[in-house]
């Protein structure tokens, strides 16, 4: 049985370019991109931004996930009211939402999707000096571990760096990682579980979604990267781009993410070798699960060494995970990490 679980955060991208793989930059790009939001849509969003953004002359757009909380509150309220109207049917008389209320969900989802697409548009954006791939020896070492021992991969970001590391290799061609999608992007997690070989295969779970995940004719599917340009600004419901308080709500609202997290919850207690690589420790929903379900002494944290005092950062992790039976590996560049294998893997 596969007993390794590798969780990748945005730090992998930032080890390549700290500037490009920055959410602030993605949010600003989505705000200003050509053929993006209309001025009317921007006004709808501005009306719901916190005072700190509105009053900041240098901040035309949100810059952090926590600043998206009010947007998500209103979006969630609009969704609930719309569903109520649908249940009541046309005979209910005048709708409960105003014109602005009906337009807001499309505006904010268009904004979020453009922001997530930014991380997949590295080539088209032609950023000078950006090396858009992870190091070859880092990728090969990771692939070697998956071939030899198997692993589950979970991502918390929107880039396709790991996808590029696996695409065209035996990792995907031999189905050593499965994500629940089939031909033409059809999503059928139950079918994938039927094909799944627990002795040698792992799961590839985008826990916070992907801009490649879209809805068509009421069904979730995955488009290819080559098709993505035709979907920029899609009203995706499969992106966990919001404040920490609302991430659980988004997960439960998405058929894809709900099943991914269900599988992830089953994987964690069975994993003796859990590596958090490039994860900042800010997602409470993930921390709670690791705190309660991860086996003893199973967690290793791989992070950038930085200038902060190690003792302070150790304390931060103890508080985040509510446990102290973990090890921390600090490197000048997290892509230097090679110790994927843990002797405890395979032992009961």
Protein backbone atom coordinates (compact mmCIF):
# COMPACT_ATOMS: atom_id res chain seq x y z
CA UNK A 1 0.00 0.00 0.00
CA UNK A 2 1.22 3.52 -0.85
CA UNK A 3 2.15 5.28 2.39
CA UNK A 4 3.78 8.52 1.22
CA UNK A 5 1.81 11.76 0.97
CA UNK A 6 3.49 14.86 -0.49
CA UNK A 7 1.66 18.18 -0.10
CA UNK A 8 2.88 21.08 -2.24
CA UNK A 9 2.17 24.74 -1.53
CA UNK A 10 2.88 27.92 -3.45
CA UNK A 11 6.47 27.84 -2.21
CA UNK A 12 7.45 25.53 -5.07
CA UNK A 13 6.61 28.24 -7.58
CA UNK A 14 8.19 30.95 -5.46
CA UNK A 15 11.42 28.96 -5.39
CA UNK A 16 11.51 29.62 -9.15
CA UNK A 17 10.38 33.24 -9.08
CA UNK A 18 9.29 34.87 -5.85
CA UNK A 19 7.84 37.80 -7.78
CA UNK A 20 5.88 35.96 -10.47
CA UNK A 21 4.33 33.26 -8.25
CA UNK A 22 2.83 35.82 -5.90
CA UNK A 23 -0.92 35.98 -5.31
CA UNK A 24 -0.81 39.78 -5.09
CA UNK A 25 0.59 39.92 -8.61
CA UNK A 26 -2.03 37.44 -9.87
CA UNK A 27 -4.89 39.47 -8.38
CA UNK A 28 -3.55 42.68 -9.90
CA UNK A 29 -3.09 41.02 -13.28
CA UNK A 30 -6.66 39.67 -13.22
CA UNK A 31 -7.95 43.15 -12.37
CA UNK A 32 -6.18 44.84 -15.25
CA UNK A 33 -5.95 42.16 -17.94
CA UNK A 34 -7.33 43.05 -21.36
CA UNK A 35 -10.70 41.42 -22.05
CA UNK A 36 -11.04 40.82 -18.32
CA UNK A 37 -13.48 42.63 -16.06
CA UNK A 38 -15.66 45.41 -17.42
CA UNK A 39 -15.71 48.72 -15.56
CA UNK A 40 -19.21 47.88 -14.34
CA UNK A 41 -17.98 44.55 -12.93
CA UNK A 42 -15.08 46.33 -11.22
CA UNK A 43 -17.52 48.75 -9.61
CA UNK A 44 -19.59 45.85 -8.30
CA UNK A 45 -16.47 44.33 -6.74
CA UNK A 46 -15.09 47.62 -5.39
CA UNK A 47 -18.34 48.19 -3.54
CA UNK A 48 -17.69 45.02 -1.53
CA UNK A 49 -14.00 45.46 -0.75
CA UNK A 50 -12.81 46.20 2.79
CA UNK A 51 -12.04 49.80 3.71
CA UNK A 52 -8.29 49.15 3.80
CA UNK A 53 -8.31 48.40 0.07
CA UNK A 54 -10.65 51.21 -0.93
CA UNK A 55 -8.69 53.77 1.07
CA UNK A 56 -5.26 52.62 -0.16
CA UNK A 57 -4.36 54.83 -3.12
CA UNK A 58 -1.77 52.28 -4.29
CA UNK A 59 -4.15 49.31 -4.15
CA UNK A 60 -6.60 49.35 -7.01
CA UNK A 61 -7.35 45.65 -6.49
CA UNK A 62 -7.28 43.17 -3.57
CA UNK A 63 -3.80 41.97 -2.69
CA UNK A 64 -4.33 39.08 -0.25
CA UNK A 65 -6.77 36.21 0.28
CA UNK A 66 -8.06 37.65 3.56
CA UNK A 67 -9.20 40.78 1.69
CA UNK A 68 -11.53 38.58 -0.38
CA UNK A 69 -13.66 37.61 2.64
CA UNK A 70 -16.43 40.17 2.11
CA UNK A 71 -16.58 39.29 -1.58
CA UNK A 72 -17.06 35.64 -0.67
CA UNK A 73 -19.73 36.43 1.92
CA UNK A 74 -21.80 38.30 -0.65
CA UNK A 75 -21.15 35.69 -3.34
CA UNK A 76 -22.33 32.94 -1.01
CA UNK A 77 -25.45 34.91 -0.09
CA UNK A 78 -26.27 35.51 -3.77
CA UNK A 79 -25.84 31.80 -4.52
CA UNK A 80 -28.14 30.78 -1.66
CA UNK A 81 -30.83 33.24 -2.71
CA UNK A 82 -30.57 32.18 -6.36
CA UNK A 83 -31.00 28.52 -5.38
CA UNK A 84 -34.02 29.46 -3.27
CA UNK A 85 -35.54 31.31 -6.21
CA UNK A 86 -34.94 28.28 -8.43
CA UNK A 87 -36.75 26.03 -5.96
CA UNK A 88 -39.68 28.42 -5.77
CA UNK A 89 -39.92 28.58 -9.54
CA UNK A 90 -41.31 31.27 -11.81
CA UNK A 91 -44.57 31.47 -9.93
CA UNK A 92 -42.90 33.11 -6.95
CA UNK A 93 -43.36 36.60 -8.35
CA UNK A 94 -40.66 39.24 -8.22
CA UNK A 95 -37.15 37.93 -7.66
CA UNK A 96 -35.38 38.40 -4.35
CA UNK A 97 -32.09 39.61 -5.89
CA UNK A 98 -31.61 43.03 -7.43
CA UNK A 99 -29.97 43.43 -10.83
CA UNK A 100 -26.62 44.01 -9.12
CA UNK A 101 -27.16 40.88 -7.03
CA UNK A 102 -27.68 38.82 -10.16
CA UNK A 103 -24.61 40.24 -11.87
CA UNK A 104 -22.20 39.99 -8.94
CA UNK A 105 -21.55 36.20 -8.93
CA UNK A 106 -20.48 36.21 -12.58
CA UNK A 107 -18.20 39.20 -11.98
CA UNK A 108 -16.39 37.78 -8.97
CA UNK A 109 -16.02 34.31 -10.45
CA UNK A 110 -14.65 35.83 -13.64
CA UNK A 111 -12.14 37.74 -11.53
CA UNK A 112 -11.09 34.67 -9.55
CA UNK A 113 -10.69 32.55 -12.65
CA UNK A 114 -8.52 35.14 -14.39
CA UNK A 115 -6.35 35.28 -11.25
CA UNK A 116 -5.90 31.49 -11.19
CA UNK A 117 -5.19 31.39 -14.95
CA UNK A 118 -2.31 33.81 -14.41
CA UNK A 119 -0.20 30.99 -12.94
CA UNK A 120 -0.70 28.87 -16.07
CA UNK A 121 0.03 31.70 -18.51
CA UNK A 122 3.77 31.91 -17.93
CA UNK A 123 4.70 31.49 -21.59
CA UNK A 124 2.12 33.90 -23.00
CA UNK A 125 2.98 36.59 -20.43
CA UNK A 126 6.63 36.42 -21.55
CA UNK A 127 8.10 37.48 -18.22
CA UNK A 128 11.77 38.31 -18.68
CA UNK A 129 14.17 36.08 -16.76
CA UNK A 130 11.46 33.63 -15.63
CA UNK A 131 12.57 30.00 -15.69
CA UNK A 132 9.16 28.38 -15.86
CA UNK A 133 10.06 24.83 -14.82
CA UNK A 134 11.25 23.11 -11.68
CA UNK A 135 14.79 21.79 -11.71
CA UNK A 136 15.23 18.63 -13.77
CA UNK A 137 17.00 16.71 -11.01
CA UNK A 138 14.31 17.69 -8.47
CA UNK A 139 11.60 16.34 -10.79
CA UNK A 140 13.52 13.17 -11.62
CA UNK A 141 14.17 12.38 -7.96
CA UNK A 142 10.47 12.81 -7.20
CA UNK A 143 9.52 10.60 -10.15
CA UNK A 144 12.00 7.94 -9.01
CA UNK A 145 10.35 7.80 -5.59
CA UNK A 146 6.89 7.46 -7.13
CA UNK A 147 8.12 4.63 -9.39
CA UNK A 148 9.87 2.78 -6.56
CA UNK A 149 7.60 3.39 -3.57
CA UNK A 150 4.47 5.14 -4.82
CA UNK A 151 3.08 8.39 -3.46
CA UNK A 152 -0.05 10.49 -3.20
CA UNK A 153 0.37 14.09 -4.38
CA UNK A 154 -1.76 16.96 -3.08
CA UNK A 155 -1.42 20.55 -4.31
CA UNK A 156 -2.63 23.79 -2.74
CA UNK A 157 -1.73 26.10 -5.64
CA UNK A 158 -2.94 26.85 -9.15
CA UNK A 159 0.24 26.44 -11.20
CA UNK A 160 0.99 23.40 -13.34
CA UNK A 161 4.62 22.89 -12.33
CA UNK A 162 4.08 19.35 -11.06
CA UNK A 163 1.82 18.53 -13.99
CA UNK A 164 4.69 19.46 -16.30
CA UNK A 165 7.03 17.26 -14.26
CA UNK A 166 4.74 14.24 -14.80
CA UNK A 167 3.19 14.87 -18.22
CA UNK A 168 4.60 12.64 -20.97
CA UNK A 169 6.31 10.36 -18.45
CA UNK A 170 5.39 6.92 -17.15
CA UNK A 171 4.02 8.55 -13.98
CA UNK A 172 0.91 9.56 -15.91
CA UNK A 173 1.14 7.07 -18.77
CA UNK A 174 1.12 4.08 -16.38
CA UNK A 175 -1.49 5.75 -14.14
CA UNK A 176 0.85 5.83 -11.16
CA UNK A 177 -1.14 8.95 -10.24
CA UNK A 178 -4.89 9.29 -10.81
CA UNK A 179 -7.03 12.43 -10.58
CA UNK A 180 -10.51 11.15 -11.40
CA UNK A 181 -10.65 12.55 -14.95
CA UNK A 182 -11.02 10.56 -18.16
CA UNK A 183 -11.22 11.20 -21.91
CA UNK A 184 -12.60 14.59 -22.96
CA UNK A 185 -12.16 15.77 -19.39
CA UNK A 186 -15.02 13.74 -17.93
CA UNK A 187 -14.92 13.62 -14.12
CA UNK A 188 -15.93 10.30 -12.59
CA UNK A 189 -14.22 9.68 -9.28
CA UNK A 190 -16.12 6.46 -8.61
CA UNK A 191 -14.93 5.02 -11.92
CA UNK A 192 -11.34 6.06 -11.11
CA UNK A 193 -11.59 4.27 -7.77
CA UNK A 194 -12.70 1.14 -9.63
CA UNK A 195 -9.51 1.18 -11.72
CA UNK A 196 -7.26 2.19 -8.83
CA UNK A 197 -4.53 -0.25 -7.72
CA UNK A 198 -3.77 0.58 -4.09
CA UNK A 199 -0.51 -1.37 -4.10
CA UNK A 200 1.29 0.83 -6.63
CA UNK A 201 -0.87 3.83 -7.55
CA UNK A 202 -1.47 7.13 -5.79
CA UNK A 203 -3.87 10.03 -6.12
CA UNK A 204 -3.09 13.45 -7.64
CA UNK A 205 -5.41 15.82 -5.79
CA UNK A 206 -5.68 19.56 -6.48
CA UNK A 207 -7.13 20.32 -3.07
CA UNK A 208 -7.78 24.00 -3.84
CA UNK A 209 -8.94 23.41 -7.38
CA UNK A 210 -7.57 24.44 -10.74
CA UNK A 211 -8.52 26.92 -13.48
CA UNK A 212 -8.66 23.83 -15.71
CA UNK A 213 -11.73 22.64 -13.79
CA UNK A 214 -14.88 24.05 -15.39
CA UNK A 215 -18.60 23.32 -15.59
CA UNK A 216 -20.30 22.58 -18.89
CA UNK A 217 -23.97 21.64 -19.20
CA UNK A 218 -24.10 21.34 -15.45
CA UNK A 219 -21.27 18.78 -15.31
CA UNK A 220 -17.72 19.29 -14.02
CA UNK A 221 -14.89 18.57 -16.43
CA UNK A 222 -11.24 19.38 -16.99
CA UNK A 223 -10.05 21.26 -20.07
CA UNK A 224 -6.54 20.94 -21.44
CA UNK A 225 -3.94 23.66 -21.06
CA UNK A 226 -4.16 24.23 -24.81
CA UNK A 227 -7.91 24.88 -24.42
CA UNK A 228 -7.57 27.17 -21.42
CA UNK A 229 -7.30 30.39 -23.45
CA UNK A 230 -10.90 29.83 -24.58
CA UNK A 231 -12.06 29.61 -20.96
CA UNK A 232 -10.31 32.62 -19.38
CA UNK A 233 -12.77 34.24 -17.02
CA UNK A 234 -14.96 31.13 -16.82
CA UNK A 235 -17.40 31.21 -13.92
CA UNK A 236 -15.65 28.38 -12.12
CA UNK A 237 -16.95 27.09 -8.80
CA UNK A 238 -13.86 24.91 -8.27
CA UNK A 239 -11.34 27.49 -6.97
CA UNK A 240 -10.59 27.95 -3.27
CA UNK A 241 -9.45 31.54 -3.69
CA UNK A 242 -10.86 33.21 -0.61
CA UNK A 243 -10.17 33.91 3.05
CA UNK A 244 -9.44 30.99 5.36
CA UNK A 245 -12.92 31.27 6.91
CA UNK A 246 -14.66 30.40 3.65
CA UNK A 247 -12.43 27.70 2.21
CA UNK A 248 -14.45 24.88 3.74
CA UNK A 249 -17.62 26.34 2.19
CA UNK A 250 -16.07 26.41 -1.30
CA UNK A 251 -14.82 22.85 -0.93
CA UNK A 252 -18.28 21.59 0.02
CA UNK A 253 -19.86 23.53 -2.88
CA UNK A 254 -17.67 21.85 -5.53
CA UNK A 255 -18.31 18.26 -6.60
CA UNK A 256 -14.65 17.85 -7.55
CA UNK A 257 -13.15 19.35 -4.40
CA UNK A 258 -15.62 17.64 -2.09
CA UNK A 259 -14.55 14.22 -3.42
CA UNK A 260 -10.88 15.18 -3.43
CA UNK A 261 -11.01 16.16 0.24
CA UNK A 262 -12.95 13.03 1.09
CA UNK A 263 -10.17 10.95 -0.44
CA UNK A 264 -7.51 13.11 1.21
CA UNK A 265 -9.08 12.56 4.65
CA UNK A 266 -8.86 8.80 4.07
CA UNK A 267 -5.23 9.00 2.90
CA UNK A 268 -3.78 11.05 5.79
CA UNK A 269 -4.23 8.44 8.60
CA UNK A 270 -2.66 5.74 6.38
CA UNK A 271 0.43 7.81 5.48
CA UNK A 272 3.62 7.24 7.47
CA UNK A 273 5.63 9.64 5.31
CA UNK A 274 3.95 13.06 5.00
CA UNK A 275 5.99 15.89 3.49
CA UNK A 276 4.78 19.50 3.41
CA UNK A 277 6.89 21.27 0.80
CA UNK A 278 6.56 25.02 0.26
CA UNK A 279 3.43 25.28 2.41
CA UNK A 280 3.19 28.33 4.66
CA UNK A 281 0.91 26.79 7.28
CA UNK A 282 -1.98 29.25 6.90
CA UNK A 283 -4.84 26.93 5.93
CA UNK A 284 -6.67 26.04 9.12
CA UNK A 285 -8.80 23.33 7.48
CA UNK A 286 -5.66 21.45 6.40
CA UNK A 287 -3.87 21.99 9.70
CA UNK A 288 -6.82 20.63 11.67
CA UNK A 289 -6.87 17.46 9.61
CA UNK A 290 -3.12 16.88 9.97
CA UNK A 291 -3.30 17.65 13.68
CA UNK A 292 -5.98 15.04 14.34
CA UNK A 293 -5.35 12.35 11.73
CA UNK A 294 -1.66 12.22 10.75
CA UNK A 295 0.19 9.27 12.36
CA UNK A 296 2.76 10.05 15.04
CA UNK A 297 6.16 11.24 13.78
CA UNK A 298 4.98 11.14 10.16
CA UNK A 299 5.31 14.82 9.19
CA UNK A 300 8.31 16.57 7.68
CA UNK A 301 8.14 20.25 6.73
CA UNK A 302 10.41 21.47 3.94
CA UNK A 303 10.70 25.24 3.80
CA UNK A 304 12.91 28.13 2.75
CA UNK A 305 15.54 28.90 5.38
CA UNK A 306 14.98 32.68 5.28
CA UNK A 307 16.08 35.17 7.90
CA UNK A 308 13.53 34.48 10.63
CA UNK A 309 14.73 32.86 13.84
CA UNK A 310 14.30 29.08 13.75
CA UNK A 311 12.82 28.95 17.25
CA UNK A 312 10.06 31.38 16.31
CA UNK A 313 9.21 29.42 13.20
CA UNK A 314 9.26 26.14 15.14
CA UNK A 315 6.76 27.70 17.56
CA UNK A 316 4.57 28.82 14.66
CA UNK A 317 4.41 25.27 13.33
CA UNK A 318 3.66 23.77 16.75
CA UNK A 319 0.74 26.17 17.09
CA UNK A 320 -0.47 25.62 13.51
CA UNK A 321 -0.39 21.81 13.71
CA UNK A 322 -1.18 21.58 17.44
CA UNK A 323 1.53 18.94 17.83
CA UNK A 324 5.32 18.81 18.09
CA UNK A 325 6.18 15.39 16.62
CA UNK A 326 7.37 16.75 13.28
CA UNK A 327 10.71 17.52 11.69
CA UNK A 328 11.65 20.66 9.77
CA UNK A 329 14.09 20.76 6.87
CA UNK A 330 15.20 24.29 5.97
CA UNK A 331 17.02 24.91 2.70
CA UNK A 332 18.22 27.89 0.71
CA UNK A 333 16.06 26.57 -2.13
CA UNK A 334 13.42 23.95 -1.43
CA UNK A 335 14.17 22.39 -4.82
CA UNK A 336 17.37 21.09 -3.24
CA UNK A 337 15.27 18.57 -1.30
CA UNK A 338 15.89 14.91 -2.25
CA UNK A 339 14.98 12.82 0.82
CA UNK A 340 11.55 11.69 -0.33
CA UNK A 341 12.00 8.22 1.05
CA UNK A 342 11.44 7.56 4.74
CA UNK A 343 12.44 4.21 6.32
CA UNK A 344 9.15 4.14 8.25
CA UNK A 345 7.21 3.77 5.00
CA UNK A 346 5.91 0.23 4.64
CA UNK A 347 6.06 -0.47 8.38
CA UNK A 348 2.94 -0.90 10.46
